[in-house]
Amino acid sequence: MIQQSSKLSPYRVALVFACFLITFILLQGATGTHATKIFQPLSRFPAKIGPWTLDASRSSSADVVKLLGVDDYIDYGYKDKGGHQVSLYVGFYESVGGGKGYHSPKNCLPGGGWGIDEIKKVKIFPANRHGTPVTVAEMIIREGDEYQVVLYWFQNRGRIISSEYWEKIYLVLDALLKKRRDGSFIRIMAYAPDGNIEKTEVLLKKFAELTMAELDKYLPGQ
């Protein structure tokens, strides 16, 4: 049974605010960072990933792209022979900060009737990591009797990061030690027909494992 997520406590709100404040202060002192280019444009991302084939490509308006501050992105829809559809968004930033940065799906997805039922961490096994699991974030969102499963993570400077808090900590450390602030945000979504959450989770994990491995050819590593 899906459980409703609890509201943020005053302690957690203060902690989030403190993280943002510390990140801002430290990034101001991280002088000499340089923009890091993507290996190759995301427009070259394959039209076929395992059993999934590119079915749709969506573009944001110039105003939305400017608001996000993203340097390269794709918003693709894939479909397999069974008719299962998966939505893939990848946004790459040459240098996070100065008004350019991620928008957490915890804040962006709710709205228009959709609410968050559950947030948790799950493990996947990317094809190029020789059986080593990595952790990504999962959300279950619902509108009435309709459900969607969402997987997301940050694939930054050689790391897979599932937490917005740790992403900010690593951003500061890498700005200070590596002089880099590049990063990427990846989100995968799919509807859960008839409310079958478990089946959709299995499908998304398989797609995520293939996608994560493929992204290593595009996104800057360590």
C-alpha atoms as a PDB file:
ATOM      1  CA  MET A   1       0.000   0.000   0.000  1.00  0.00           C
ATOM      2  CA  ILE A   2       1.339   3.410  -0.955  1.00  0.00           C
ATOM      3  CA  GLN A   3       1.808   5.754   1.955  1.00  0.00           C
ATOM      4  CA  GLN A   4       1.415   9.509   1.861  1.00  0.00           C
ATOM      5  CA  SER A   5       4.663  11.365   2.466  1.00  0.00           C
ATOM      6  CA  SER A   6       4.769  13.461   5.620  1.00  0.00           C
ATOM      7  CA  LYS A   7       5.135  17.214   5.621  1.00  0.00           C
ATOM      8  CA  LEU A   8       8.519  18.737   6.164  1.00  0.00           C
ATOM      9  CA  SER A   9       9.253  19.407   9.814  1.00  0.00           C
ATOM     10  CA  PRO A  10      10.632  22.807  10.891  1.00  0.00           C
ATOM     11  CA  TYR A  11      13.966  21.060  11.536  1.00  0.00           C
ATOM     12  CA  ARG A  12      14.173  19.749   7.978  1.00  0.00           C
ATOM     13  CA  VAL A  13      13.149  23.119   6.557  1.00  0.00           C
ATOM     14  CA  ALA A  14      15.931  24.783   8.568  1.00  0.00           C
ATOM     15  CA  LEU A  15      18.398  22.125   7.430  1.00  0.00           C
ATOM     16  CA  VAL A  16      17.505  22.642   3.766  1.00  0.00           C
ATOM     17  CA  PHE A  17      17.835  26.404   4.157  1.00  0.00           C
ATOM     18  CA  ALA A  18      21.207  26.002   5.859  1.00  0.00           C
ATOM     19  CA  CYS A  19      22.430  23.746   3.032  1.00  0.00           C
ATOM     20  CA  PHE A  20      21.456  26.322   0.436  1.00  0.00           C
ATOM     21  CA  LEU A  21      23.074  29.136   2.417  1.00  0.00           C
ATOM     22  CA  ILE A  22      26.342  27.279   3.019  1.00  0.00           C
ATOM     23  CA  THR A  23      26.465  26.176  -0.613  1.00  0.00           C
ATOM     24  CA  PHE A  24      25.968  29.758  -1.800  1.00  0.00           C
ATOM     25  CA  ILE A  25      28.659  31.143   0.504  1.00  0.00           C
ATOM     26  CA  LEU A  26      31.225  28.484  -0.361  1.00  0.00           C
ATOM     27  CA  LEU A  27      30.593  28.722  -4.086  1.00  0.00           C
ATOM     28  CA  GLN A  28      31.283  32.429  -3.968  1.00  0.00           C
ATOM     29  CA  GLY A  29      34.738  31.571  -2.663  1.00  0.00           C
ATOM     30  CA  ALA A  30      35.343  28.856  -5.226  1.00  0.00           C
ATOM     31  CA  THR A  31      37.150  31.108  -7.674  1.00  0.00           C
ATOM     32  CA  GLY A  32      38.824  29.837 -10.787  1.00  0.00           C
ATOM     33  CA  THR A  33      36.233  27.210 -11.695  1.00  0.00           C
ATOM     34  CA  HIS A  34      35.905  26.532 -15.398  1.00  0.00           C
ATOM     35  CA  ALA A  35      32.984  25.516 -17.569  1.00  0.00           C
ATOM     36  CA  THR A  36      33.234  21.899 -18.661  1.00  0.00           C
ATOM     37  CA  LYS A  37      31.954  20.980 -22.104  1.00  0.00           C
ATOM     38  CA  ILE A  38      29.807  17.941 -22.799  1.00  0.00           C
ATOM     39  CA  PHE A  39      31.583  15.078 -24.618  1.00  0.00           C
ATOM     40  CA  GLN A  40      29.100  15.137 -27.500  1.00  0.00           C
ATOM     41  CA  PRO A  41      25.711  16.808 -28.032  1.00  0.00           C
ATOM     42  CA  LEU A  42      22.742  15.076 -26.433  1.00  0.00           C
ATOM     43  CA  SER A  43      20.947  15.362 -29.783  1.00  0.00           C
ATOM     44  CA  ARG A  44      23.089  12.363 -30.808  1.00  0.00           C
ATOM     45  CA  PHE A  45      21.644  10.229 -28.009  1.00  0.00           C
ATOM     46  CA  PRO A  46      20.521   6.940 -29.602  1.00  0.00           C
ATOM     47  CA  ALA A  47      17.029   6.497 -30.991  1.00  0.00           C
ATOM     48  CA  LYS A  48      17.095   2.880 -29.803  1.00  0.00           C
ATOM     49  CA  ILE A  49      17.907   1.760 -26.259  1.00  0.00           C
ATOM     50  CA  GLY A  50      17.527  -1.983 -25.796  1.00  0.00           C
ATOM     51  CA  PRO A  51      13.930  -2.856 -26.745  1.00  0.00           C
ATOM     52  CA  TRP A  52      12.844   0.802 -26.658  1.00  0.00           C
ATOM     53  CA  THR A  53      12.642   2.998 -29.772  1.00  0.00           C
ATOM     54  CA  LEU A  54      12.404   6.780 -29.911  1.00  0.00           C
ATOM     55  CA  ASP A  55       8.753   7.729 -30.367  1.00  0.00           C
ATOM     56  CA  ALA A  56       8.644  11.473 -29.579  1.00  0.00           C
ATOM     57  CA  SER A  57      10.964  14.435 -29.080  1.00  0.00           C
ATOM     58  CA  ARG A  58       9.768  17.473 -27.142  1.00  0.00           C
ATOM     59  CA  SER A  59      11.317  20.956 -27.090  1.00  0.00           C
ATOM     60  CA  SER A  60      10.923  23.629 -24.430  1.00  0.00           C
ATOM     61  CA  SER A  61      10.347  27.276 -25.286  1.00  0.00           C
ATOM     62  CA  ALA A  62      13.280  29.673 -25.294  1.00  0.00           C
ATOM     63  CA  ASP A  63      11.939  31.259 -22.096  1.00  0.00           C
ATOM     64  CA  VAL A  64      11.860  27.897 -20.298  1.00  0.00           C
ATOM     65  CA  VAL A  65      15.378  27.024 -21.478  1.00  0.00           C
ATOM     66  CA  LYS A  66      16.595  30.420 -20.270  1.00  0.00           C
ATOM     67  CA  LEU A  67      14.841  29.929 -16.917  1.00  0.00           C
ATOM     68  CA  LEU A  68      16.465  26.524 -16.445  1.00  0.00           C
ATOM     69  CA  GLY A  69      19.856  27.807 -17.602  1.00  0.00           C
ATOM     70  CA  VAL A  70      20.522  24.420 -19.186  1.00  0.00           C
ATOM     71  CA  ASP A  71      23.338  24.172 -21.764  1.00  0.00           C
ATOM     72  CA  ASP A  72      22.114  21.005 -23.453  1.00  0.00           C
ATOM     73  CA  TYR A  73      19.075  18.794 -22.948  1.00  0.00           C
ATOM     74  CA  ILE A  74      16.808  16.166 -24.436  1.00  0.00           C
ATOM     75  CA  ASP A  75      13.187  15.401 -23.636  1.00  0.00           C
ATOM     76  CA  TYR A  76      12.457  12.121 -25.404  1.00  0.00           C
ATOM     77  CA  GLY A  77       9.684   9.582 -25.389  1.00  0.00           C
ATOM     78  CA  TYR A  78      10.470   5.899 -26.025  1.00  0.00           C
ATOM     79  CA  LYS A  79       8.188   2.939 -26.692  1.00  0.00           C
ATOM     80  CA  ASP A  80       8.784  -0.810 -26.781  1.00  0.00           C
ATOM     81  CA  LYS A  81       7.009  -3.410 -28.929  1.00  0.00           C
ATOM     82  CA  GLY A  82       4.551  -4.046 -26.128  1.00  0.00           C
ATOM     83  CA  GLY A  83       3.420  -0.425 -26.248  1.00  0.00           C
ATOM     84  CA  HIS A  84       5.040   0.549 -22.936  1.00  0.00           C
ATOM     85  CA  GLN A  85       6.024   4.225 -23.019  1.00  0.00           C
ATOM     86  CA  VAL A  86       8.877   5.836 -21.118  1.00  0.00           C
ATOM     87  CA  SER A  87       9.745   9.524 -20.863  1.00  0.00           C
ATOM     88  CA  LEU A  88      13.427  10.522 -20.591  1.00  0.00           C
ATOM     89  CA  TYR A  89      14.702  13.978 -19.667  1.00  0.00           C
ATOM     90  CA  VAL A  90      18.422  14.806 -19.465  1.00  0.00           C
ATOM     91  CA  GLY A  91      19.650  18.313 -18.678  1.00  0.00           C
ATOM     92  CA  PHE A  92      23.351  19.198 -18.762  1.00  0.00           C
ATOM     93  CA  TYR A  93      24.980  22.298 -17.223  1.00  0.00           C
ATOM     94  CA  GLU A  94      28.523  23.384 -18.005  1.00  0.00           C
ATOM     95  CA  SER A  95      28.666  25.237 -14.683  1.00  0.00           C
ATOM     96  CA  VAL A  96      25.988  25.073 -11.983  1.00  0.00           C
ATOM     97  CA  GLY A  97      25.475  28.308 -10.072  1.00  0.00           C
ATOM     98  CA  GLY A  98      24.927  31.953 -10.871  1.00  0.00           C
ATOM     99  CA  GLY A  99      21.257  31.363 -11.612  1.00  0.00           C
ATOM    100  CA  LYS A 100      21.883  28.092 -13.472  1.00  0.00           C
ATOM    101  CA  GLY A 101      20.860  24.946 -11.684  1.00  0.00           C
ATOM    102  CA  TYR A 102      18.535  22.012 -11.230  1.00  0.00           C
ATOM    103  CA  HIS A 103      14.838  22.120 -10.422  1.00  0.00           C
ATOM    104  CA  SER A 104      14.017  19.245  -8.117  1.00  0.00           C
ATOM    105  CA  PRO A 105      11.107  17.062  -9.315  1.00  0.00           C
ATOM    106  CA  LYS A 106       9.860  17.190  -5.734  1.00  0.00           C
ATOM    107  CA  ASN A 107       8.950  20.809  -6.475  1.00  0.00           C
ATOM    108  CA  CYS A 108       8.265  20.682 -10.226  1.00  0.00           C
ATOM    109  CA  LEU A 109       6.110  17.563 -10.667  1.00  0.00           C
ATOM    110  CA  PRO A 110       3.426  18.233  -8.044  1.00  0.00           C
ATOM    111  CA  GLY A 111       0.751  20.437  -9.541  1.00  0.00           C
ATOM    112  CA  GLY A 112      -1.996  20.139 -12.090  1.00  0.00           C
ATOM    113  CA  GLY A 113      -3.674  17.609  -9.825  1.00  0.00           C
ATOM    114  CA  TRP A 114      -0.596  15.370  -9.364  1.00  0.00           C
ATOM    115  CA  GLY A 115       0.634  14.735  -5.844  1.00  0.00           C
ATOM    116  CA  ILE A 116       3.526  12.758  -4.382  1.00  0.00           C
ATOM    117  CA  ASP A 117       2.481   9.516  -2.700  1.00  0.00           C
ATOM    118  CA  GLU A 118       5.915   8.125  -1.895  1.00  0.00           C
ATOM    119  CA  ILE A 119       9.617   8.948  -2.182  1.00  0.00           C
ATOM    120  CA  LYS A 120      12.303   6.332  -1.668  1.00  0.00           C
ATOM    121  CA  LYS A 121      15.733   5.129  -2.805  1.00  0.00           C
ATOM    122  CA  VAL A 122      16.145   2.120  -5.088  1.00  0.00           C
ATOM    123  CA  LYS A 123      19.140   0.254  -6.489  1.00  0.00           C
ATOM    124  CA  ILE A 124      19.778  -0.403 -10.157  1.00  0.00           C
ATOM    125  CA  PHE A 125      22.558  -2.298 -11.929  1.00  0.00           C
ATOM    126  CA  PRO A 126      23.899  -0.306 -14.911  1.00  0.00           C
ATOM    127  CA  ALA A 127      25.148  -2.369 -17.816  1.00  0.00           C
ATOM    128  CA  ASN A 128      28.671  -0.909 -17.709  1.00  0.00           C
ATOM    129  CA  ARG A 129      29.353  -1.252 -13.971  1.00  0.00           C
ATOM    130  CA  HIS A 130      29.972  -5.011 -13.846  1.00  0.00           C
ATOM    131  CA  GLY A 131      27.225  -5.850 -11.391  1.00  0.00           C
ATOM    132  CA  THR A 132      27.949  -2.977  -9.015  1.00  0.00           C
ATOM    133  CA  PRO A 133      24.655  -1.391  -7.900  1.00  0.00           C
ATOM    134  CA  VAL A 134      24.023   2.338  -7.756  1.00  0.00           C
ATOM    135  CA  THR A 135      21.280   4.166  -5.874  1.00  0.00           C
ATOM    136  CA  VAL A 136      18.740   6.457  -7.527  1.00  0.00           C
ATOM    137  CA  ALA A 137      15.658   8.249  -6.215  1.00  0.00           C
ATOM    138  CA  GLU A 138      12.132   7.048  -6.922  1.00  0.00           C
ATOM    139  CA  MET A 139       8.837   8.905  -6.607  1.00  0.00           C
ATOM    140  CA  ILE A 140       5.302   7.611  -6.958  1.00  0.00           C
ATOM    141  CA  ILE A 141       2.942  10.372  -8.071  1.00  0.00           C
ATOM    142  CA  ARG A 142      -0.831  10.126  -8.352  1.00  0.00           C
ATOM    143  CA  GLU A 143      -3.769  12.006  -9.822  1.00  0.00           C
ATOM    144  CA  GLY A 144      -7.025  10.392  -8.838  1.00  0.00           C
ATOM    145  CA  ASP A 145      -6.735   6.737  -9.864  1.00  0.00           C
ATOM    146  CA  GLU A 146      -3.766   7.321 -12.197  1.00  0.00           C
ATOM    147  CA  TYR A 147      -0.208   6.628 -11.090  1.00  0.00           C
ATOM    148  CA  GLN A 148       3.209   7.404 -12.514  1.00  0.00           C
ATOM    149  CA  VAL A 149       6.595   6.111 -11.399  1.00  0.00           C
ATOM    150  CA  VAL A 150       9.543   8.507 -11.554  1.00  0.00           C
ATOM    151  CA  LEU A 151      13.249   7.668 -11.274  1.00  0.00           C
ATOM    152  CA  TYR A 152      15.802  10.464 -11.085  1.00  0.00           C
ATOM    153  CA  TRP A 153      19.434  11.094 -10.245  1.00  0.00           C
ATOM    154  CA  PHE A 154      22.361  13.479 -10.761  1.00  0.00           C
ATOM    155  CA  GLN A 155      25.172  12.095 -12.942  1.00  0.00           C
ATOM    156  CA  ASN A 156      27.913  14.533 -11.990  1.00  0.00           C
ATOM    157  CA  ARG A 157      31.678  14.477 -12.424  1.00  0.00           C
ATOM    158  CA  GLY A 158      31.909  10.689 -12.276  1.00  0.00           C
ATOM    159  CA  ARG A 159      29.325  10.194  -9.517  1.00  0.00           C
ATOM    160  CA  ILE A 160      25.742   8.954  -9.438  1.00  0.00           C
ATOM    161  CA  ILE A 161      23.957  11.014  -6.768  1.00  0.00           C
ATOM    162  CA  SER A 162      20.411  10.329  -5.595  1.00  0.00           C
ATOM    163  CA  SER A 163      20.125  13.097  -2.995  1.00  0.00           C
ATOM    164  CA  GLU A 164      19.708  16.833  -3.598  1.00  0.00           C
ATOM    165  CA  TYR A 165      21.585  17.470  -0.340  1.00  0.00           C
ATOM    166  CA  TRP A 166      24.618  15.370  -1.310  1.00  0.00           C
ATOM    167  CA  GLU A 167      24.592  16.886  -4.778  1.00  0.00           C
ATOM    168  CA  LYS A 168      25.117  20.317  -3.221  1.00  0.00           C
ATOM    169  CA  ILE A 169      27.857  19.048  -0.917  1.00  0.00           C
ATOM    170  CA  TYR A 170      29.754  17.424  -3.799  1.00  0.00           C
ATOM    171  CA  LEU A 171      29.231  20.549  -5.911  1.00  0.00           C
ATOM    172  CA  VAL A 172      31.016  22.636  -3.304  1.00  0.00           C
ATOM    173  CA  LEU A 173      33.824  20.110  -2.812  1.00  0.00           C
ATOM    174  CA  ASP A 174      34.443  19.712  -6.539  1.00  0.00           C
ATOM    175  CA  ALA A 175      34.339  23.469  -7.098  1.00  0.00           C
ATOM    176  CA  LEU A 176      37.022  23.888  -4.457  1.00  0.00           C
ATOM    177  CA  LEU A 177      39.170  20.845  -5.264  1.00  0.00           C
ATOM    178  CA  LYS A 178      38.565  20.169  -8.958  1.00  0.00           C
ATOM    179  CA  LYS A 179      37.587  23.677 -10.089  1.00  0.00           C
ATOM    180  CA  ARG A 180      34.519  22.129 -11.752  1.00  0.00           C
ATOM    181  CA  ARG A 181      30.812  22.795 -11.343  1.00  0.00           C
ATOM    182  CA  ASP A 182      29.404  20.912 -14.314  1.00  0.00           C
ATOM    183  CA  GLY A 183      26.528  18.547 -13.738  1.00  0.00           C
ATOM    184  CA  SER A 184      23.515  16.803 -15.163  1.00  0.00           C
ATOM    185  CA  PHE A 185      20.042  15.855 -14.029  1.00  0.00           C
ATOM    186  CA  ILE A 186      18.274  12.755 -15.352  1.00  0.00           C
ATOM    187  CA  ARG A 187      14.581  11.938 -14.939  1.00  0.00           C
ATOM    188  CA  ILE A 188      12.697   8.891 -16.254  1.00  0.00           C
ATOM    189  CA  MET A 189       8.921   8.568 -15.981  1.00  0.00           C
ATOM    190  CA  ALA A 190       6.210   6.113 -16.968  1.00  0.00           C
ATOM    191  CA  TYR A 191       2.514   5.652 -16.269  1.00  0.00           C
ATOM    192  CA  ALA A 192       1.499   2.619 -14.221  1.00  0.00           C
ATOM    193  CA  PRO A 193      -1.447   1.051 -16.090  1.00  0.00           C
ATOM    194  CA  ASP A 194      -4.195  -0.193 -13.756  1.00  0.00           C
ATOM    195  CA  GLY A 195      -2.120   1.051 -10.840  1.00  0.00           C
ATOM    196  CA  ASN A 196       0.465  -1.713 -11.329  1.00  0.00           C
ATOM    197  CA  ILE A 197       3.355   0.054  -9.595  1.00  0.00           C
ATOM    198  CA  GLU A 198       5.644  -2.977  -9.273  1.00  0.00           C
ATOM    199  CA  LYS A 199       5.529  -3.856 -12.975  1.00  0.00           C
ATOM    200  CA  THR A 200       6.272  -0.249 -13.940  1.00  0.00           C
ATOM    201  CA  GLU A 201       9.165  -0.109 -11.455  1.00  0.00           C
ATOM    202  CA  VAL A 202      10.763  -3.159 -13.086  1.00  0.00           C
ATOM    203  CA  LEU A 203      10.357  -1.629 -16.543  1.00  0.00           C
ATOM    204  CA  LEU A 204      11.835   1.727 -15.488  1.00  0.00           C
ATOM    205  CA  LYS A 205      14.800   0.146 -13.726  1.00  0.00           C
ATOM    206  CA  LYS A 206      15.736  -1.780 -16.867  1.00  0.00           C
ATOM    207  CA  PHE A 207      15.462   1.369 -18.962  1.00  0.00           C
ATOM    208  CA  ALA A 208      17.473   3.347 -16.390  1.00  0.00           C
ATOM    209  CA  GLU A 209      20.266   0.765 -16.348  1.00  0.00           C
ATOM    210  CA  LEU A 210      20.715   1.017 -20.106  1.00  0.00           C
ATOM    211  CA  THR A 211      20.333   4.802 -20.149  1.00  0.00           C
ATOM    212  CA  MET A 212      22.856   5.422 -17.375  1.00  0.00           C
ATOM    213  CA  ALA A 213      25.480   3.344 -19.163  1.00  0.00           C
ATOM    214  CA  GLU A 214      24.830   5.155 -22.462  1.00  0.00           C
ATOM    215  CA  LEU A 215      25.081   8.572 -20.813  1.00  0.00           C
ATOM    216  CA  ASP A 216      28.710   7.886 -19.858  1.00  0.00           C
ATOM    217  CA  LYS A 217      29.511   8.460 -23.547  1.00  0.00           C
ATOM    218  CA  TYR A 218      28.080  11.984 -23.360  1.00  0.00           C
ATOM    219  CA  LEU A 219      28.541  13.401 -19.861  1.00  0.00           C
ATOM    220  CA  PRO A 220      31.950  14.407 -18.482  1.00  0.00           C
ATOM    221  CA  GLY A 221      33.279  11.943 -15.896  1.00  0.00           C
ATOM    222  CA  GLN A 222      35.921  12.307 -13.212  1.00  0.00           C
END
